[in-house]
Amino acid sequence: MIRKRLLFFGRVQGVGFRFYAVNKARQLGLTGWVENLEDGSVEMEVQGEEEKIDLLIQYLDSQRYISIEAVRARKLPLEKESGFYEKGY
């Protein structure tokens, strides 16, 4: 079990990124959140099995209108939480 903060760059806003992220993360049993940032990137904190986090990223990158050009990742301490949700607006 791990927790990561991910920053996604590319065509990641206005293309359903958060919608797909929430639905797939819930399906995979991951916890955390996703949020659009003012600079056009998307931030995510996600917790679960590393293989499932990798599957989430692959799924997002395979969506028709999403184009992930770069991902920055940093490991974080685990948190007690349940569910995966969209933060912000």
Protein backbone atom coordinates (compact mmCIF):
# COMPACT_ATOMS: atom_id res chain seq x y z
CA MET A 1 0.00 0.00 0.00
CA ILE A 2 1.39 3.40 -1.01
CA ARG A 3 0.25 7.00 -1.34
CA LYS A 4 1.40 9.33 -4.10
CA ARG A 5 0.94 12.95 -5.04
CA LEU A 6 0.78 13.16 -8.82
CA LEU A 7 0.88 16.26 -11.02
CA PHE A 8 -0.35 15.74 -14.57
CA PHE A 9 0.63 18.08 -17.41
CA GLY A 10 -0.67 18.23 -20.98
CA ARG A 11 -4.25 18.35 -22.22
CA VAL A 12 -5.74 17.39 -18.86
CA GLN A 13 -8.40 20.04 -18.17
CA GLY A 14 -11.73 20.34 -19.95
CA VAL A 15 -11.47 16.77 -21.26
CA GLY A 16 -13.17 14.73 -18.51
CA PHE A 17 -9.95 13.94 -16.65
CA ARG A 18 -11.42 14.34 -13.15
CA PHE A 19 -14.61 12.48 -14.08
CA TYR A 20 -12.66 9.51 -15.45
CA ALA A 21 -10.21 9.62 -12.53
CA VAL A 22 -12.93 9.49 -9.87
CA ASN A 23 -14.86 6.69 -11.54
CA LYS A 24 -11.84 4.49 -12.31
CA ALA A 25 -10.20 5.07 -8.91
CA ARG A 26 -13.41 4.01 -7.17
CA GLN A 27 -13.66 0.95 -9.42
CA LEU A 28 -10.08 0.00 -8.51
CA GLY A 29 -10.69 0.54 -4.78
CA LEU A 30 -8.27 3.47 -4.51
CA THR A 31 -8.70 6.39 -2.14
CA GLY A 32 -7.74 10.05 -2.45
CA TRP A 33 -8.72 13.06 -4.50
CA VAL A 34 -8.18 14.91 -7.78
CA GLU A 35 -8.25 18.67 -8.46
CA ASN A 36 -7.69 21.09 -11.34
CA LEU A 37 -4.97 23.68 -10.72
CA GLU A 38 -4.96 27.25 -12.00
CA ASP A 39 -1.90 26.64 -14.20
CA GLY A 40 -3.80 24.07 -16.33
CA SER A 41 -2.36 20.98 -14.66
CA VAL A 42 -4.19 18.45 -12.50
CA GLU A 43 -3.11 17.35 -9.04
CA MET A 44 -4.02 14.01 -7.52
CA GLU A 45 -3.31 12.25 -4.25
CA VAL A 46 -4.01 8.57 -4.57
CA GLN A 47 -3.57 5.69 -2.16
CA GLY A 48 -3.68 1.94 -2.73
CA GLU A 49 -1.73 -0.85 -4.33
CA GLU A 50 0.98 0.48 -6.64
CA GLU A 51 -0.19 -1.76 -9.50
CA LYS A 52 -3.70 -0.30 -9.28
CA ILE A 53 -2.34 3.26 -9.24
CA ASP A 54 -0.37 2.41 -12.39
CA LEU A 55 -3.55 1.00 -13.97
CA LEU A 56 -5.37 4.25 -13.16
CA ILE A 57 -2.67 6.33 -14.87
CA GLN A 58 -2.67 4.04 -17.93
CA TYR A 59 -6.46 4.23 -18.12
CA LEU A 60 -6.45 8.03 -17.97
CA ASP A 61 -3.76 8.25 -20.65
CA SER A 62 -5.78 5.96 -22.94
CA GLN A 63 -8.88 8.19 -22.95
CA ARG A 64 -9.65 9.82 -26.27
CA TYR A 65 -9.31 13.52 -25.42
CA ILE A 66 -6.79 13.31 -22.58
CA SER A 67 -3.16 13.77 -23.53
CA ILE A 68 -0.74 13.38 -20.61
CA GLU A 69 2.60 14.88 -21.58
CA ALA A 70 4.31 14.53 -18.19
CA VAL A 71 3.64 13.26 -14.69
CA ARG A 72 5.52 14.30 -11.57
CA ALA A 73 5.17 11.87 -8.68
CA ARG A 74 6.14 12.00 -5.04
CA LYS A 75 5.52 9.38 -2.36
CA LEU A 76 3.62 10.51 0.74
CA PRO A 77 2.83 8.95 4.12
CA LEU A 78 -0.30 6.81 4.18
CA GLU A 79 -3.51 8.42 5.44
CA LYS A 80 -6.66 6.98 6.95
CA GLU A 81 -9.41 7.77 4.48
CA SER A 82 -12.21 6.24 2.51
CA GLY A 83 -13.34 6.98 -0.99
CA PHE A 84 -12.00 8.98 -3.89
CA TYR A 85 -13.44 12.38 -4.72
CA GLU A 86 -13.07 15.55 -6.75
CA LYS A 87 -11.77 18.64 -4.94
CA GLY A 88 -12.34 22.25 -5.90
CA TYR A 89 -14.81 23.49 -8.45
